[in-house]
Amino acid sequence: MYYRVDYQLAILLGGFIAGILCSRRVQKVPASQLARMYYAVIAILLVLRTVAFAGSMLTVRQNFWTTGGGILSDLSFILYGGLFGLATRRRDSRELLTDSEILSALCMTLAFTFAIAGIAKAFSMTPMTEFFSQSGYSVVFLKFIVFAEVFGAIGLLLPWAVVTALIGLTIDMFGAVVTHVHNGDPLNDSTGAICMLIRLAVLGVLWMLRPWLGDSEATVRSSMLTVGVVGVVCLLSAIGGSVVMRHLGSHAAISAVSR
């Protein structure tokens, strides 16, 4: 069966292949210059996506703006895959991928996505309340998720808070997947969370690989292992938190009925 997760992964793969094919043309371009170019393009796309999101929320031509936002989102995915495609053919791939402007661009993109997700939930409280209630959660927990995603997005923009934001948002995304699995929802409903988990993991690895105060460089293997271990802890935290929140939600529902 075809799921949208296949579509998004296909876009990433297409961008990756395009990056490989274009790598020879930019082989002599310094990593720092490529990083600045990537940052500039991503910044422009984010501005356009912000306009598209505002248009979809505030104007009557919602379909037009939603379609435009989807196209811009796909372009971001293509560029994301293309970045790693370019890196695979370069000797300075680590320098490129851990450049401060590349990391800033990746953080901005994730921050935008989570901020939009939180704001969208806030503007769709009725259907979100129904979904959370059907999942066994309380409205208070829904409001907590909204604030968590918005503040997590802000944390991604602050260098000293990036790690904490990555961990918190990873738990949030695992929680979304766990909830859909618990509800028996189709895989398509977990597409967004799965893709975000992949991007959070990649950013976590690159963040660990970046030059840091002259310390000895971390290896790719050790960074991936660390991120994997943290990911497992986040998954267990999401599962435990989901159980606790449903338990508290059921008690709140019983109390409301008894009143």
Protein backbone atom coordinates (compact mmCIF):
# COMPACT_ATOMS: atom_id res chain seq x y z
CA MET A 1 0.00 0.00 0.00
CA TYR A 2 1.22 3.52 -0.82
CA TYR A 3 1.68 5.88 2.12
CA ARG A 4 2.63 9.53 2.09
CA VAL A 5 5.76 8.57 4.03
CA ASP A 6 6.87 6.88 0.80
CA TYR A 7 6.27 10.13 -1.06
CA GLN A 8 8.36 12.21 1.32
CA LEU A 9 11.17 9.68 1.39
CA ALA A 10 11.05 9.58 -2.42
CA ILE A 11 11.48 13.37 -2.51
CA LEU A 12 14.45 13.12 -0.16
CA LEU A 13 15.96 10.39 -2.31
CA GLY A 14 15.36 12.43 -5.46
CA GLY A 15 17.11 15.40 -3.88
CA PHE A 16 19.95 13.16 -2.74
CA ILE A 17 20.47 11.79 -6.26
CA ALA A 18 20.29 15.30 -7.73
CA GLY A 19 22.94 16.40 -5.24
CA ILE A 20 25.23 13.57 -6.30
CA LEU A 21 24.74 14.41 -9.98
CA CYS A 22 25.50 18.09 -9.37
CA SER A 23 28.44 17.48 -7.07
CA ARG A 24 31.10 17.67 -9.78
CA ARG A 25 29.94 21.12 -10.86
CA VAL A 26 30.43 22.54 -7.38
CA GLN A 27 33.43 20.41 -6.41
CA LYS A 28 35.74 23.43 -6.35
CA VAL A 29 33.34 25.66 -4.46
CA PRO A 30 34.52 26.04 -0.83
CA ALA A 31 32.36 24.39 1.81
CA SER A 32 31.83 27.71 3.58
CA GLN A 33 30.45 29.27 0.39
CA LEU A 34 28.09 26.35 -0.22
CA ALA A 35 26.93 26.64 3.38
CA ARG A 36 26.14 30.34 2.94
CA MET A 37 24.23 29.62 -0.27
CA TYR A 38 22.21 26.85 1.39
CA TYR A 39 21.43 29.10 4.37
CA ALA A 40 20.27 31.94 2.10
CA VAL A 41 18.00 29.69 0.01
CA ILE A 42 16.48 28.07 3.10
CA ALA A 43 15.87 31.47 4.69
CA ILE A 44 14.02 32.63 1.56
CA LEU A 45 11.94 29.45 1.46
CA LEU A 46 11.01 29.84 5.11
CA VAL A 47 9.82 33.40 4.52
CA LEU A 48 7.70 32.21 1.59
CA ARG A 49 6.35 29.29 3.61
CA THR A 50 5.42 31.70 6.41
CA VAL A 51 3.48 33.82 3.92
CA ALA A 52 1.77 30.71 2.55
CA PHE A 53 0.84 29.52 6.05
CA ALA A 54 -0.55 32.93 6.98
CA GLY A 55 -2.53 32.97 3.74
CA SER A 56 -4.00 29.54 4.43
CA MET A 57 -5.07 30.62 7.90
CA LEU A 58 -6.28 34.16 7.24
CA THR A 59 -7.67 34.25 3.69
CA VAL A 60 -10.57 32.57 1.93
CA ARG A 61 -8.33 31.01 -0.74
CA GLN A 62 -7.07 28.36 1.63
CA ASN A 63 -6.57 25.68 -1.04
CA PHE A 64 -4.33 27.97 -3.09
CA TRP A 65 -2.09 28.86 -0.15
CA THR A 66 -2.05 25.31 1.18
CA THR A 67 -0.95 23.98 -2.21
CA GLY A 68 1.72 26.66 -2.44
CA GLY A 69 2.96 25.82 1.03
CA GLY A 70 3.11 22.13 0.10
CA ILE A 71 5.21 22.89 -2.97
CA LEU A 72 7.60 25.01 -0.93
CA SER A 73 7.83 22.25 1.66
CA ASP A 74 8.71 19.74 -1.06
CA LEU A 75 11.43 22.10 -2.31
CA SER A 76 12.86 22.20 1.21
CA PHE A 77 12.95 18.39 1.27
CA ILE A 78 14.67 18.29 -2.12
CA LEU A 79 17.31 20.75 -0.94
CA TYR A 80 17.72 18.75 2.27
CA GLY A 81 18.39 15.56 0.32
CA GLY A 82 20.55 17.47 -2.17
CA LEU A 83 22.77 18.76 0.62
CA PHE A 84 23.68 15.24 1.69
CA GLY A 85 24.04 14.16 -1.93
CA LEU A 86 26.62 16.88 -2.46
CA ALA A 87 28.41 15.92 0.75
CA THR A 88 28.89 12.28 -0.28
CA ARG A 89 31.17 13.30 -3.19
CA ARG A 90 33.27 15.83 -1.29
CA ARG A 91 36.43 15.24 0.74
CA ASP A 92 35.38 18.03 3.09
CA SER A 93 31.89 16.56 3.66
CA ARG A 94 32.21 16.79 7.42
CA GLU A 95 33.31 20.40 7.22
CA LEU A 96 30.34 21.17 4.99
CA LEU A 97 27.67 19.39 7.03
CA THR A 98 28.90 20.76 10.36
CA ASP A 99 29.36 24.32 9.13
CA SER A 100 27.62 26.72 11.49
CA GLU A 101 25.41 28.09 8.71
CA ILE A 102 24.32 24.61 7.64
CA LEU A 103 23.44 23.73 11.22
CA SER A 104 21.62 27.04 11.62
CA ALA A 105 19.64 26.38 8.44
CA LEU A 106 18.68 22.88 9.61
CA CYS A 107 17.67 24.24 13.02
CA MET A 108 15.60 27.01 11.42
CA THR A 109 13.77 24.55 9.20
CA LEU A 110 12.90 22.27 12.11
CA ALA A 111 11.97 25.24 14.29
CA PHE A 112 9.62 26.54 11.59
CA THR A 113 7.95 23.14 11.20
CA PHE A 114 7.34 22.67 14.93
CA ALA A 115 6.22 26.26 15.44
CA ILE A 116 3.71 25.94 12.60
CA ALA A 117 2.51 22.61 14.00
CA GLY A 118 1.93 24.14 17.42
CA ILE A 119 0.18 27.21 16.02
CA ALA A 120 -1.97 25.06 13.74
CA LYS A 121 -3.09 23.02 16.76
CA ALA A 122 -3.97 26.23 18.59
CA PHE A 123 -6.15 27.34 15.65
CA SER A 124 -7.80 23.91 15.42
CA MET A 125 -8.67 23.27 19.04
CA THR A 126 -12.05 21.65 18.35
CA PRO A 127 -10.83 18.79 16.12
CA MET A 128 -7.60 18.46 18.15
CA THR A 129 -9.62 18.26 21.38
CA GLU A 130 -11.75 15.50 19.85
CA PHE A 131 -8.65 13.58 18.76
CA PHE A 132 -6.95 13.92 22.14
CA SER A 133 -10.16 12.91 23.95
CA GLN A 134 -10.56 9.86 21.71
CA SER A 135 -6.93 9.00 22.45
CA GLY A 136 -7.60 9.16 26.18
CA TYR A 137 -5.82 12.44 26.82
CA SER A 138 -7.05 15.58 28.52
CA VAL A 139 -7.42 19.07 27.08
CA VAL A 140 -4.72 20.23 29.49
CA PHE A 141 -2.29 17.80 27.88
CA LEU A 142 -3.21 19.15 24.44
CA LYS A 143 -2.41 22.69 25.58
CA PHE A 144 0.87 21.43 27.03
CA ILE A 145 1.80 19.89 23.65
CA VAL A 146 1.01 23.16 21.88
CA PHE A 147 3.28 25.12 24.22
CA ALA A 148 5.95 22.40 24.14
CA GLU A 149 6.18 22.47 20.34
CA VAL A 150 6.32 26.26 20.18
CA PHE A 151 8.93 26.56 22.94
CA GLY A 152 10.83 23.60 21.48
CA ALA A 153 10.97 25.51 18.20
CA ILE A 154 12.37 28.53 20.01
CA GLY A 155 14.92 26.30 21.72
CA LEU A 156 16.21 25.11 18.35
CA LEU A 157 17.14 28.70 17.56
CA LEU A 158 19.21 29.09 20.74
CA PRO A 159 22.59 27.30 20.55
CA TRP A 160 22.66 26.60 24.30
CA ALA A 161 19.17 25.03 24.20
CA VAL A 162 19.42 22.96 21.00
CA VAL A 163 20.19 19.62 22.70
CA THR A 164 17.38 20.02 25.22
CA ALA A 165 14.97 21.02 22.44
CA LEU A 166 16.01 18.02 20.32
CA ILE A 167 15.37 15.62 23.20
CA GLY A 168 12.01 17.17 24.10
CA LEU A 169 10.79 17.27 20.51
CA THR A 170 11.95 13.69 19.91
CA ILE A 171 9.84 12.54 22.86
CA ASP A 172 6.95 14.57 21.41
CA MET A 173 7.25 12.89 18.00
CA PHE A 174 7.63 9.41 19.45
CA GLY A 175 4.56 10.19 21.54
CA ALA A 176 2.62 11.03 18.38
CA VAL A 177 3.60 7.72 16.77
CA VAL A 178 2.81 5.77 19.94
CA THR A 179 -0.60 7.43 20.13
CA HIS A 180 -1.49 6.57 16.54
CA VAL A 181 -0.33 2.98 17.06
CA HIS A 182 -2.42 2.75 20.25
CA ASN A 183 -5.45 4.09 18.39
CA GLY A 184 -4.97 1.64 15.52
CA ASP A 185 -4.57 4.49 13.02
CA PRO A 186 -3.02 3.85 9.57
CA LEU A 187 0.69 4.47 9.05
CA ASN A 188 -0.18 7.50 6.94
CA ASP A 189 -1.23 9.34 10.12
CA SER A 190 2.28 8.94 11.52
CA THR A 191 4.05 10.18 8.39
CA GLY A 192 4.85 13.64 9.68
CA ALA A 193 6.17 12.34 13.00
CA ILE A 194 8.33 9.68 11.33
CA CYS A 195 9.92 12.20 8.97
CA MET A 196 10.53 14.61 11.83
CA LEU A 197 12.17 11.87 13.88
CA ILE A 198 14.57 11.19 11.02
CA ARG A 199 15.45 14.87 10.72
CA LEU A 200 15.84 15.26 14.49
CA ALA A 201 18.22 12.28 14.57
CA VAL A 202 20.29 13.63 11.68
CA LEU A 203 20.56 17.04 13.30
CA GLY A 204 21.52 15.40 16.59
CA VAL A 205 24.38 13.51 14.93
CA LEU A 206 25.63 16.58 13.06
CA TRP A 207 25.39 18.69 16.21
CA MET A 208 27.66 16.24 18.02
CA LEU A 209 30.12 16.20 15.11
CA ARG A 210 30.52 19.97 14.96
CA PRO A 211 33.82 21.54 16.10
CA TRP A 212 33.51 22.28 19.80
CA LEU A 213 36.01 24.44 21.69
CA GLY A 214 39.03 22.60 20.31
CA ASP A 215 38.01 19.27 21.85
CA SER A 216 38.94 16.04 20.09
CA GLU A 217 36.56 15.38 17.23
CA ALA A 218 33.77 12.89 17.82
CA THR A 219 33.53 10.01 15.38
CA VAL A 220 30.46 9.40 13.25
CA ARG A 221 30.01 5.97 14.82
CA SER A 222 30.13 7.27 18.39
CA SER A 223 27.78 10.14 17.54
CA MET A 224 25.27 7.81 15.92
CA LEU A 225 25.50 5.42 18.85
CA THR A 226 24.89 8.22 21.33
CA VAL A 227 21.94 9.54 19.36
CA GLY A 228 20.57 6.00 19.07
CA VAL A 229 20.76 5.45 22.82
CA VAL A 230 19.13 8.80 23.50
CA GLY A 231 16.46 7.91 20.93
CA VAL A 232 15.64 4.67 22.74
CA VAL A 233 15.35 6.55 26.05
CA CYS A 234 13.06 9.09 24.35
CA LEU A 235 10.90 6.28 22.95
CA LEU A 236 10.57 4.66 26.37
CA SER A 237 9.77 8.06 27.89
CA ALA A 238 7.09 8.61 25.24
CA ILE A 239 5.53 5.21 25.89
CA GLY A 240 5.55 5.75 29.66
CA GLY A 241 4.29 9.31 29.34
CA SER A 242 1.49 8.18 27.02
CA VAL A 243 0.32 5.60 29.54
CA VAL A 244 0.44 8.12 32.39
CA MET A 245 -1.38 10.82 30.42
CA ARG A 246 -4.17 8.42 29.40
CA HIS A 247 -4.51 7.34 33.02
CA LEU A 248 -4.77 10.94 34.18
CA GLY A 249 -7.13 11.73 31.30
CA SER A 250 -9.50 8.91 32.26
CA HIS A 251 -9.56 10.13 35.88
CA ALA A 252 -10.30 13.66 34.70
CA ALA A 253 -13.14 12.39 32.50
CA ILE A 254 -14.64 10.38 35.37
CA SER A 255 -14.43 13.39 37.69
CA ALA A 256 -16.12 15.60 35.11
CA VAL A 257 -18.98 13.11 34.68
CA SER A 258 -19.45 12.69 38.43
CA ARG A 259 -19.89 16.42 38.81
